[in-house]
Amino acid sequence: MSDDMVAPGAATASGTSTLLGPAEIRDLAELLGIQPTKKLGQNFVIDANTVRRIVRVAGVSAGTTVVEVGPGLGSLTLGLLETGAEVVAVEIDKRLAAQLPLTVGQLQPESQLTVITADAMTIEELPGTPTVLVANLPYNVSVPVLLHFLETFPALQSILVMVQAEVGYRIAAVPGSKIYGVPSAKAAWYGVWRTAGQVSRQVFWPVPNVDSVLVAFERRELPGTEAERVATFELIDAAFQQRRKMLRQALSVVLGDSANASARIEAAGLKPTARGEELTVLDFLAIARTA
């Protein structure tokens, strides 16, 4: 990729433009030979107001070190950098990773940006110890990426992600809700989640077939050890794999048999006839601790 591959027309003659608009996004995609597809969840944000709203809700400001997952063409990256924050961008696509510093260099040359070409699902190290994660995540990797980052990077204190509405509501769901499940329970191990606003389909290119929401997270002290987390997550998986079954049946696969499962559940102060959707992550932890 040549050094002159910069964002065509992204800055005004006076240099006042610091974010990408619809025309610049399309020009960049054409320049890089990228044809976004809905199948892969490739929807680029083309609205500057939405970008600044995300940055504001995330609480990013000068001095913040942010990790952004999947920066793509750089819409959100530029919004984060605009605040004076330091951004570590993790991008799996080599073309996008190579282009991003060039785009930023043209529009915000004084910015502090580090680009890492890596798979967000497996990355183990980040420079600068980011404390905030901000991202526009494709629906098919949203939950695995979030859980991986929370487990791997304990310095992360808060998160704001834009995800498919269905996924976002599931992550933030509470026990007793019909959409409460594995993502909800596992995510709650690390802290408190909430939805933080809806996002119009029209701010994306191409326009997706689904709605999006912002989901916010604040870390809390971990409720247990790593070994207890593994055991708790195993119970969560079992409970929701057979969602309609009572706990004594659903957990019998993990705990040996129905009788042993019932004894363990009762020892944790819970009812063997309850269902997984009724339990908090702390309830699952209590069962794990009866071993």
C-alpha atoms as a PDB file:
ATOM      1  CA  MET A   1       0.000   0.000   0.000  1.00  0.00           C
ATOM      2  CA  SER A   2       1.481   3.342  -0.994  1.00  0.00           C
ATOM      3  CA  ASP A   3       2.047   6.255   1.390  1.00  0.00           C
ATOM      4  CA  ASP A   4      -0.229   8.474  -0.663  1.00  0.00           C
ATOM      5  CA  MET A   5      -3.260   6.319   0.084  1.00  0.00           C
ATOM      6  CA  VAL A   6      -5.021   8.868   2.257  1.00  0.00           C
ATOM      7  CA  ALA A   7      -8.649   9.775   2.711  1.00  0.00           C
ATOM      8  CA  PRO A   8      -9.680  11.518  -0.495  1.00  0.00           C
ATOM      9  CA  GLY A   9     -11.410  14.807   0.190  1.00  0.00           C
ATOM     10  CA  ALA A  10     -11.634  14.122   3.919  1.00  0.00           C
ATOM     11  CA  ALA A  11     -10.388  17.533   4.991  1.00  0.00           C
ATOM     12  CA  THR A  12     -11.591  20.915   3.925  1.00  0.00           C
ATOM     13  CA  ALA A  13      -9.230  23.453   2.378  1.00  0.00           C
ATOM     14  CA  SER A  14      -9.044  25.243   5.706  1.00  0.00           C
ATOM     15  CA  GLY A  15      -8.302  21.987   7.504  1.00  0.00           C
ATOM     16  CA  THR A  16     -11.293  22.393   9.827  1.00  0.00           C
ATOM     17  CA  SER A  17     -12.792  18.959   9.198  1.00  0.00           C
ATOM     18  CA  THR A  18     -11.563  16.328  11.667  1.00  0.00           C
ATOM     19  CA  LEU A  19     -14.134  13.575  11.112  1.00  0.00           C
ATOM     20  CA  LEU A  20     -15.206  11.500   8.135  1.00  0.00           C
ATOM     21  CA  GLY A  21     -18.491  12.113   6.338  1.00  0.00           C
ATOM     22  CA  PRO A  22     -20.545   9.885   4.012  1.00  0.00           C
ATOM     23  CA  ALA A  23     -18.642  10.883   0.875  1.00  0.00           C
ATOM     24  CA  GLU A  24     -15.243  10.334   2.500  1.00  0.00           C
ATOM     25  CA  ILE A  25     -16.285   6.930   3.843  1.00  0.00           C
ATOM     26  CA  ARG A  26     -17.375   5.786   0.393  1.00  0.00           C
ATOM     27  CA  ASP A  27     -14.233   7.201  -1.215  1.00  0.00           C
ATOM     28  CA  LEU A  28     -12.028   5.379   1.263  1.00  0.00           C
ATOM     29  CA  ALA A  29     -13.869   2.104   0.743  1.00  0.00           C
ATOM     30  CA  GLU A  30     -13.459   2.453  -3.016  1.00  0.00           C
ATOM     31  CA  LEU A  31      -9.790   3.342  -2.620  1.00  0.00           C
ATOM     32  CA  LEU A  32      -9.170   0.205  -0.574  1.00  0.00           C
ATOM     33  CA  GLY A  33     -11.333  -2.019  -2.754  1.00  0.00           C
ATOM     34  CA  ILE A  34     -13.740  -2.716   0.092  1.00  0.00           C
ATOM     35  CA  GLN A  35     -17.329  -3.646  -0.668  1.00  0.00           C
ATOM     36  CA  PRO A  36     -19.094  -3.821   2.711  1.00  0.00           C
ATOM     37  CA  THR A  37     -21.551  -6.655   3.076  1.00  0.00           C
ATOM     38  CA  LYS A  38     -24.433  -7.048   5.504  1.00  0.00           C
ATOM     39  CA  LYS A  39     -23.599 -10.737   5.822  1.00  0.00           C
ATOM     40  CA  LEU A  40     -20.285  -9.928   7.519  1.00  0.00           C
ATOM     41  CA  GLY A  41     -21.778  -7.164   9.610  1.00  0.00           C
ATOM     42  CA  GLN A  42     -19.706  -4.523   7.834  1.00  0.00           C
ATOM     43  CA  ASN A  43     -21.635  -1.357   8.477  1.00  0.00           C
ATOM     44  CA  PHE A  44     -19.610   1.850   8.667  1.00  0.00           C
ATOM     45  CA  VAL A  45     -20.816   4.832  10.700  1.00  0.00           C
ATOM     46  CA  ILE A  46     -21.186   7.863   8.427  1.00  0.00           C
ATOM     47  CA  ASP A  47     -22.778  10.370  10.808  1.00  0.00           C
ATOM     48  CA  ALA A  48     -20.476  12.694  12.771  1.00  0.00           C
ATOM     49  CA  ASN A  49     -23.177  13.514  15.342  1.00  0.00           C
ATOM     50  CA  THR A  50     -23.555   9.824  16.184  1.00  0.00           C
ATOM     51  CA  VAL A  51     -19.786   9.450  16.512  1.00  0.00           C
ATOM     52  CA  ARG A  52     -19.567  12.372  18.932  1.00  0.00           C
ATOM     53  CA  ARG A  53     -22.571  11.059  20.865  1.00  0.00           C
ATOM     54  CA  ILE A  54     -20.842   7.695  21.366  1.00  0.00           C
ATOM     55  CA  VAL A  55     -17.660   9.392  22.535  1.00  0.00           C
ATOM     56  CA  ARG A  56     -19.624  11.587  24.938  1.00  0.00           C
ATOM     57  CA  VAL A  57     -21.624   8.711  26.428  1.00  0.00           C
ATOM     58  CA  ALA A  58     -18.408   6.714  26.807  1.00  0.00           C
ATOM     59  CA  GLY A  59     -16.987   9.520  28.927  1.00  0.00           C
ATOM     60  CA  VAL A  60     -13.798   9.720  26.880  1.00  0.00           C
ATOM     61  CA  SER A  61     -11.694  12.848  27.361  1.00  0.00           C
ATOM     62  CA  ALA A  62      -8.124  14.103  27.112  1.00  0.00           C
ATOM     63  CA  GLY A  63      -5.820  11.802  29.026  1.00  0.00           C
ATOM     64  CA  THR A  64      -8.003   8.716  28.589  1.00  0.00           C
ATOM     65  CA  THR A  65      -6.366   5.670  27.042  1.00  0.00           C
ATOM     66  CA  VAL A  66      -8.953   3.886  24.897  1.00  0.00           C
ATOM     67  CA  VAL A  67      -8.885   0.584  23.062  1.00  0.00           C
ATOM     68  CA  GLU A  68     -11.085   0.453  19.981  1.00  0.00           C
ATOM     69  CA  VAL A  69     -11.920  -2.914  18.466  1.00  0.00           C
ATOM     70  CA  GLY A  70     -12.463  -3.013  14.713  1.00  0.00           C
ATOM     71  CA  PRO A  71     -11.875   0.652  13.806  1.00  0.00           C
ATOM     72  CA  GLY A  72     -12.631  -0.018  10.151  1.00  0.00           C
ATOM     73  CA  LEU A  73     -12.241   3.143   8.097  1.00  0.00           C
ATOM     74  CA  GLY A  74     -11.746   5.310  11.169  1.00  0.00           C
ATOM     75  CA  SER A  75     -15.029   7.129  11.806  1.00  0.00           C
ATOM     76  CA  LEU A  76     -15.141   6.396  15.524  1.00  0.00           C
ATOM     77  CA  THR A  77     -11.354   6.474  15.864  1.00  0.00           C
ATOM     78  CA  LEU A  78     -11.275  10.098  14.771  1.00  0.00           C
ATOM     79  CA  GLY A  79     -14.071  10.974  17.177  1.00  0.00           C
ATOM     80  CA  LEU A  80     -12.133   9.448  20.079  1.00  0.00           C
ATOM     81  CA  LEU A  81      -8.883  11.153  19.080  1.00  0.00           C
ATOM     82  CA  GLU A  82     -10.682  14.479  18.715  1.00  0.00           C
ATOM     83  CA  THR A  83     -11.038  14.603  22.522  1.00  0.00           C
ATOM     84  CA  GLY A  84      -7.302  14.346  23.053  1.00  0.00           C
ATOM     85  CA  ALA A  85      -7.542  10.719  24.171  1.00  0.00           C
ATOM     86  CA  GLU A  86      -4.873   8.166  23.298  1.00  0.00           C
ATOM     87  CA  VAL A  87      -6.300   5.373  21.142  1.00  0.00           C
ATOM     88  CA  VAL A  88      -5.091   1.808  20.665  1.00  0.00           C
ATOM     89  CA  ALA A  89      -6.938   0.407  17.633  1.00  0.00           C
ATOM     90  CA  VAL A  90      -7.128  -3.364  17.096  1.00  0.00           C
ATOM     91  CA  GLU A  91      -7.894  -4.211  13.460  1.00  0.00           C
ATOM     92  CA  ILE A  92      -7.774  -7.669  11.895  1.00  0.00           C
ATOM     93  CA  ASP A  93      -7.933  -6.447   8.271  1.00  0.00           C
ATOM     94  CA  LYS A  94      -4.417  -5.552   7.086  1.00  0.00           C
ATOM     95  CA  ARG A  95      -5.681  -3.080   4.484  1.00  0.00           C
ATOM     96  CA  LEU A  96      -7.702  -1.154   7.038  1.00  0.00           C
ATOM     97  CA  ALA A  97      -4.914  -1.312   9.631  1.00  0.00           C
ATOM     98  CA  ALA A  98      -2.408   0.143   7.161  1.00  0.00           C
ATOM     99  CA  GLN A  99      -4.747   2.910   6.008  1.00  0.00           C
ATOM    100  CA  LEU A 100      -5.940   4.108   9.411  1.00  0.00           C
ATOM    101  CA  PRO A 101      -2.740   5.977  10.438  1.00  0.00           C
ATOM    102  CA  LEU A 102      -2.713   7.717   7.047  1.00  0.00           C
ATOM    103  CA  THR A 103      -6.300   8.888   7.414  1.00  0.00           C
ATOM    104  CA  VAL A 104      -5.676  10.086  10.963  1.00  0.00           C
ATOM    105  CA  GLY A 105      -2.418  11.713   9.934  1.00  0.00           C
ATOM    106  CA  GLN A 106      -4.240  13.815   7.361  1.00  0.00           C
ATOM    107  CA  LEU A 107      -7.161  14.894   9.537  1.00  0.00           C
ATOM    108  CA  GLN A 108      -5.662  14.935  13.040  1.00  0.00           C
ATOM    109  CA  PRO A 109      -1.876  14.880  12.661  1.00  0.00           C
ATOM    110  CA  GLU A 110      -1.178  15.564  16.350  1.00  0.00           C
ATOM    111  CA  SER A 111      -3.238  12.610  17.559  1.00  0.00           C
ATOM    112  CA  GLN A 112      -1.912   9.721  19.637  1.00  0.00           C
ATOM    113  CA  LEU A 113      -2.833   6.555  17.755  1.00  0.00           C
ATOM    114  CA  THR A 114      -1.402   3.057  17.904  1.00  0.00           C
ATOM    115  CA  VAL A 115      -2.729   0.493  15.419  1.00  0.00           C
ATOM    116  CA  ILE A 116      -2.345  -3.215  16.088  1.00  0.00           C
ATOM    117  CA  THR A 117      -3.074  -5.713  13.332  1.00  0.00           C
ATOM    118  CA  ALA A 118      -4.552  -8.605  15.276  1.00  0.00           C
ATOM    119  CA  ASP A 119      -7.628 -10.719  15.911  1.00  0.00           C
ATOM    120  CA  ALA A 120      -9.579  -9.200  18.796  1.00  0.00           C
ATOM    121  CA  MET A 121     -10.766 -12.692  19.758  1.00  0.00           C
ATOM    122  CA  THR A 122      -7.254 -13.849  20.610  1.00  0.00           C
ATOM    123  CA  ILE A 123      -5.124 -10.768  21.381  1.00  0.00           C
ATOM    124  CA  GLU A 124      -3.314 -11.065  24.728  1.00  0.00           C
ATOM    125  CA  GLU A 125      -1.366  -7.810  25.072  1.00  0.00           C
ATOM    126  CA  LEU A 126      -2.128  -4.119  24.601  1.00  0.00           C
ATOM    127  CA  PRO A 127       0.216  -1.127  24.885  1.00  0.00           C
ATOM    128  CA  GLY A 128      -0.540   1.794  27.180  1.00  0.00           C
ATOM    129  CA  THR A 129      -2.935  -0.020  29.568  1.00  0.00           C
ATOM    130  CA  PRO A 130      -6.300   1.169  28.192  1.00  0.00           C
ATOM    131  CA  THR A 131      -9.012   1.742  30.790  1.00  0.00           C
ATOM    132  CA  VAL A 132     -11.921   2.200  28.368  1.00  0.00           C
ATOM    133  CA  LEU A 133     -13.122   0.068  25.451  1.00  0.00           C
ATOM    134  CA  VAL A 134     -15.236   1.683  22.740  1.00  0.00           C
ATOM    135  CA  ALA A 135     -16.330  -0.096  19.579  1.00  0.00           C
ATOM    136  CA  ASN A 136     -18.868  -0.671  16.862  1.00  0.00           C
ATOM    137  CA  LEU A 137     -19.051  -4.473  16.986  1.00  0.00           C
ATOM    138  CA  PRO A 138     -20.489  -6.859  14.379  1.00  0.00           C
ATOM    139  CA  TYR A 139     -23.274  -8.952  15.898  1.00  0.00           C
ATOM    140  CA  ASN A 140     -21.547 -12.292  15.288  1.00  0.00           C
ATOM    141  CA  VAL A 141     -18.509 -11.504  17.472  1.00  0.00           C
ATOM    142  CA  SER A 142     -19.929  -9.044  20.005  1.00  0.00           C
ATOM    143  CA  VAL A 143     -20.242 -11.289  23.048  1.00  0.00           C
ATOM    144  CA  PRO A 144     -17.052 -13.381  22.548  1.00  0.00           C
ATOM    145  CA  VAL A 145     -14.952 -10.244  22.017  1.00  0.00           C
ATOM    146  CA  LEU A 146     -16.359  -8.507  25.091  1.00  0.00           C
ATOM    147  CA  LEU A 147     -15.858 -11.530  27.344  1.00  0.00           C
ATOM    148  CA  HIS A 148     -12.320 -12.032  26.031  1.00  0.00           C
ATOM    149  CA  PHE A 149     -11.340  -8.420  26.686  1.00  0.00           C
ATOM    150  CA  LEU A 150     -12.889  -8.369  30.147  1.00  0.00           C
ATOM    151  CA  GLU A 151     -11.057 -11.526  31.150  1.00  0.00           C
ATOM    152  CA  THR A 152      -7.742 -10.653  29.493  1.00  0.00           C
ATOM    153  CA  PHE A 153      -7.463  -6.944  30.318  1.00  0.00           C
ATOM    154  CA  PRO A 154      -8.500  -6.304  33.933  1.00  0.00           C
ATOM    155  CA  ALA A 155      -7.412  -2.639  33.651  1.00  0.00           C
ATOM    156  CA  LEU A 156     -10.543  -1.979  31.563  1.00  0.00           C
ATOM    157  CA  GLN A 157     -12.912  -0.113  33.857  1.00  0.00           C
ATOM    158  CA  SER A 158     -15.668   0.843  31.436  1.00  0.00           C
ATOM    159  CA  ILE A 159     -17.038  -0.114  28.039  1.00  0.00           C
ATOM    160  CA  LEU A 160     -19.363   1.431  25.519  1.00  0.00           C
ATOM    161  CA  VAL A 161     -20.199  -0.603  22.441  1.00  0.00           C
ATOM    162  CA  MET A 162     -22.649  -0.211  19.606  1.00  0.00           C
ATOM    163  CA  VAL A 163     -24.152  -3.583  18.772  1.00  0.00           C
ATOM    164  CA  GLN A 164     -27.185  -5.126  17.129  1.00  0.00           C
ATOM    165  CA  ALA A 165     -30.188  -4.323  19.325  1.00  0.00           C
ATOM    166  CA  GLU A 166     -31.080  -7.958  20.009  1.00  0.00           C
ATOM    167  CA  VAL A 167     -27.539  -8.691  21.178  1.00  0.00           C
ATOM    168  CA  GLY A 168     -27.330  -5.531  23.255  1.00  0.00           C
ATOM    169  CA  TYR A 169     -30.567  -6.204  25.102  1.00  0.00           C
ATOM    170  CA  ARG A 170     -29.439  -9.760  25.836  1.00  0.00           C
ATOM    171  CA  ILE A 171     -26.134  -8.608  27.297  1.00  0.00           C
ATOM    172  CA  ALA A 172     -27.878  -6.129  29.587  1.00  0.00           C
ATOM    173  CA  ALA A 173     -30.799  -8.424  30.505  1.00  0.00           C
ATOM    174  CA  VAL A 174     -31.545  -9.256  34.140  1.00  0.00           C
ATOM    175  CA  PRO A 175     -32.725 -12.555  35.693  1.00  0.00           C
ATOM    176  CA  GLY A 176     -36.389 -13.312  35.106  1.00  0.00           C
ATOM    177  CA  SER A 177     -36.379 -11.750  31.661  1.00  0.00           C
ATOM    178  CA  LYS A 178     -37.186 -13.897  28.633  1.00  0.00           C
ATOM    179  CA  ILE A 179     -33.997 -12.719  26.925  1.00  0.00           C
ATOM    180  CA  TYR A 180     -31.766 -13.350  29.955  1.00  0.00           C
ATOM    181  CA  GLY A 181     -29.283 -16.077  29.109  1.00  0.00           C
ATOM    182  CA  VAL A 182     -25.636 -17.082  28.814  1.00  0.00           C
ATOM    183  CA  PRO A 183     -24.345 -13.679  27.603  1.00  0.00           C
ATOM    184  CA  SER A 184     -26.247 -11.862  30.361  1.00  0.00           C
ATOM    185  CA  ALA A 185     -25.057 -14.096  33.181  1.00  0.00           C
ATOM    186  CA  LYS A 186     -21.432 -14.310  32.070  1.00  0.00           C
ATOM    187  CA  ALA A 187     -21.124 -10.587  31.366  1.00  0.00           C
ATOM    188  CA  ALA A 188     -22.479  -9.826  34.853  1.00  0.00           C
ATOM    189  CA  TRP A 189     -19.468 -11.614  36.378  1.00  0.00           C
ATOM    190  CA  TYR A 190     -17.339  -8.586  35.555  1.00  0.00           C
ATOM    191  CA  GLY A 191     -19.659  -5.719  36.452  1.00  0.00           C
ATOM    192  CA  VAL A 192     -22.850  -3.825  35.681  1.00  0.00           C
ATOM    193  CA  TRP A 193     -24.334  -3.500  32.190  1.00  0.00           C
ATOM    194  CA  ARG A 194     -27.053  -1.211  30.879  1.00  0.00           C
ATOM    195  CA  THR A 195     -28.422  -0.051  27.561  1.00  0.00           C
ATOM    196  CA  ALA A 196     -27.440   3.557  26.860  1.00  0.00           C
ATOM    197  CA  GLY A 197     -29.593   4.555  23.895  1.00  0.00           C
ATOM    198  CA  GLN A 198     -30.778   3.494  20.467  1.00  0.00           C
ATOM    199  CA  VAL A 199     -28.991   4.190  17.177  1.00  0.00           C
ATOM    200  CA  SER A 200     -30.772   4.841  13.894  1.00  0.00           C
ATOM    201  CA  ARG A 201     -30.122   2.500  10.992  1.00  0.00           C
ATOM    202  CA  GLN A 202     -29.645   5.543   8.788  1.00  0.00           C
ATOM    203  CA  VAL A 203     -26.275   6.467  10.339  1.00  0.00           C
ATOM    204  CA  PHE A 204     -24.681   3.383   8.783  1.00  0.00           C
ATOM    205  CA  TRP A 205     -23.447   2.553   5.298  1.00  0.00           C
ATOM    206  CA  PRO A 206     -24.740   0.258   4.026  1.00  0.00           C
ATOM    207  CA  VAL A 207     -28.000   0.609   5.958  1.00  0.00           C
ATOM    208  CA  PRO A 208     -28.415  -2.603   8.024  1.00  0.00           C
ATOM    209  CA  ASN A 209     -31.584  -4.653   8.313  1.00  0.00           C
ATOM    210  CA  VAL A 210     -31.528  -4.477  12.115  1.00  0.00           C
ATOM    211  CA  ASP A 211     -31.592  -1.796  14.775  1.00  0.00           C
ATOM    212  CA  SER A 212     -28.602  -1.008  16.973  1.00  0.00           C
ATOM    213  CA  VAL A 213     -28.180   0.055  20.596  1.00  0.00           C
ATOM    214  CA  LEU A 214     -25.430   1.401  22.791  1.00  0.00           C
ATOM    215  CA  VAL A 215     -24.509  -0.823  25.725  1.00  0.00           C
ATOM    216  CA  ALA A 216     -22.481   0.526  28.638  1.00  0.00           C
ATOM    217  CA  PHE A 217     -20.475  -1.329  31.274  1.00  0.00           C
ATOM    218  CA  GLU A 218     -18.812  -0.436  34.570  1.00  0.00           C
ATOM    219  CA  ARG A 219     -16.432  -2.889  36.165  1.00  0.00           C
ATOM    220  CA  ARG A 220     -16.994  -4.089  39.709  1.00  0.00           C
ATOM    221  CA  GLU A 221     -14.777  -6.196  41.923  1.00  0.00           C
ATOM    222  CA  LEU A 222     -14.757  -9.783  40.692  1.00  0.00           C
ATOM    223  CA  PRO A 223     -16.996 -12.011  42.839  1.00  0.00           C
ATOM    224  CA  GLY A 224     -14.640 -14.985  42.798  1.00  0.00           C
ATOM    225  CA  THR A 225     -11.358 -16.521  41.705  1.00  0.00           C
ATOM    226  CA  GLU A 226     -10.460 -17.570  38.172  1.00  0.00           C
ATOM    227  CA  ALA A 227     -11.099 -21.215  39.038  1.00  0.00           C
ATOM    228  CA  GLU A 228     -14.508 -20.268  40.403  1.00  0.00           C
ATOM    229  CA  ARG A 229     -15.252 -18.265  37.253  1.00  0.00           C
ATOM    230  CA  VAL A 230     -14.516 -21.295  35.072  1.00  0.00           C
ATOM    231  CA  ALA A 231     -16.740 -23.517  37.231  1.00  0.00           C
ATOM    232  CA  THR A 232     -19.505 -20.899  37.318  1.00  0.00           C
ATOM    233  CA  PHE A 233     -19.449 -20.416  33.544  1.00  0.00           C
ATOM    234  CA  GLU A 234     -19.679 -24.198  33.064  1.00  0.00           C
ATOM    235  CA  LEU A 235     -22.836 -24.218  35.165  1.00  0.00           C
ATOM    236  CA  ILE A 236     -24.273 -21.271  33.224  1.00  0.00           C
ATOM    237  CA  ASP A 237     -23.662 -23.040  29.921  1.00  0.00           C
ATOM    238  CA  ALA A 238     -25.374 -26.189  31.191  1.00  0.00           C
ATOM    239  CA  ALA A 239     -28.347 -24.328  32.665  1.00  0.00           C
ATOM    240  CA  PHE A 240     -29.178 -22.511  29.455  1.00  0.00           C
ATOM    241  CA  GLN A 241     -28.365 -25.339  27.078  1.00  0.00           C
ATOM    242  CA  GLN A 242     -31.579 -26.895  28.383  1.00  0.00           C
ATOM    243  CA  ARG A 243     -33.338 -23.689  29.262  1.00  0.00           C
ATOM    244  CA  ARG A 244     -36.781 -25.136  29.916  1.00  0.00           C
ATOM    245  CA  LYS A 245     -35.581 -27.837  32.270  1.00  0.00           C
ATOM    246  CA  MET A 246     -35.375 -27.458  36.023  1.00  0.00           C
ATOM    247  CA  LEU A 247     -31.914 -26.842  37.420  1.00  0.00           C
ATOM    248  CA  ARG A 248     -31.590 -30.320  38.919  1.00  0.00           C
ATOM    249  CA  GLN A 249     -31.997 -31.782  35.442  1.00  0.00           C
ATOM    250  CA  ALA A 250     -30.087 -29.157  33.473  1.00  0.00           C
ATOM    251  CA  LEU A 251     -27.080 -29.264  35.801  1.00  0.00           C
ATOM    252  CA  SER A 252     -27.005 -33.042  36.181  1.00  0.00           C
ATOM    253  CA  VAL A 253     -24.723 -33.292  33.131  1.00  0.00           C
ATOM    254  CA  VAL A 254     -22.105 -31.167  34.895  1.00  0.00           C
ATOM    255  CA  LEU A 255     -22.708 -32.262  38.488  1.00  0.00           C
ATOM    256  CA  GLY A 256     -22.917 -36.011  37.936  1.00  0.00           C
ATOM    257  CA  ASP A 257     -26.609 -36.836  38.277  1.00  0.00           C
ATOM    258  CA  SER A 258     -29.922 -35.304  39.287  1.00  0.00           C
ATOM    259  CA  ALA A 259     -29.591 -36.281  42.963  1.00  0.00           C
ATOM    260  CA  ASN A 260     -26.154 -34.728  43.336  1.00  0.00           C
ATOM    261  CA  ALA A 261     -27.283 -31.663  41.427  1.00  0.00           C
ATOM    262  CA  SER A 262     -30.266 -31.248  43.749  1.00  0.00           C
ATOM    263  CA  ALA A 263     -28.064 -31.554  46.819  1.00  0.00           C
ATOM    264  CA  ARG A 264     -25.594 -28.954  45.513  1.00  0.00           C
ATOM    265  CA  ILE A 265     -28.361 -26.545  44.518  1.00  0.00           C
ATOM    266  CA  GLU A 266     -30.034 -26.841  47.921  1.00  0.00           C
ATOM    267  CA  ALA A 267     -26.686 -26.390  49.674  1.00  0.00           C
ATOM    268  CA  ALA A 268     -26.390 -23.087  47.829  1.00  0.00           C
ATOM    269  CA  GLY A 269     -29.750 -22.016  49.247  1.00  0.00           C
ATOM    270  CA  LEU A 270     -31.600 -22.410  45.940  1.00  0.00           C
ATOM    271  CA  LYS A 271     -34.487 -24.535  44.697  1.00  0.00           C
ATOM    272  CA  PRO A 272     -33.680 -27.541  42.492  1.00  0.00           C
ATOM    273  CA  THR A 273     -36.946 -26.870  40.663  1.00  0.00           C
ATOM    274  CA  ALA A 274     -35.857 -23.367  39.627  1.00  0.00           C
ATOM    275  CA  ARG A 275     -34.734 -22.625  36.085  1.00  0.00           C
ATOM    276  CA  GLY A 276     -31.533 -21.007  34.922  1.00  0.00           C
ATOM    277  CA  GLU A 277     -33.246 -17.809  33.850  1.00  0.00           C
ATOM    278  CA  GLU A 278     -34.152 -17.118  37.488  1.00  0.00           C
ATOM    279  CA  LEU A 279     -30.560 -17.165  38.775  1.00  0.00           C
ATOM    280  CA  THR A 280     -28.032 -14.373  39.035  1.00  0.00           C
ATOM    281  CA  VAL A 281     -24.363 -15.004  38.321  1.00  0.00           C
ATOM    282  CA  LEU A 282     -23.846 -14.974  42.100  1.00  0.00           C
ATOM    283  CA  ASP A 283     -26.386 -17.789  42.434  1.00  0.00           C
ATOM    284  CA  PHE A 284     -24.438 -19.877  39.934  1.00  0.00           C
ATOM    285  CA  LEU A 285     -21.251 -19.050  41.832  1.00  0.00           C
ATOM    286  CA  ALA A 286     -22.875 -20.223  45.065  1.00  0.00           C
ATOM    287  CA  ILE A 287     -23.606 -23.588  43.462  1.00  0.00           C
ATOM    288  CA  ALA A 288     -20.037 -23.824  42.160  1.00  0.00           C
ATOM    289  CA  ARG A 289     -18.723 -23.207  45.671  1.00  0.00           C
ATOM    290  CA  THR A 290     -20.587 -26.194  47.102  1.00  0.00           C
ATOM    291  CA  ALA A 291     -18.092 -28.557  45.467  1.00  0.00           C
END
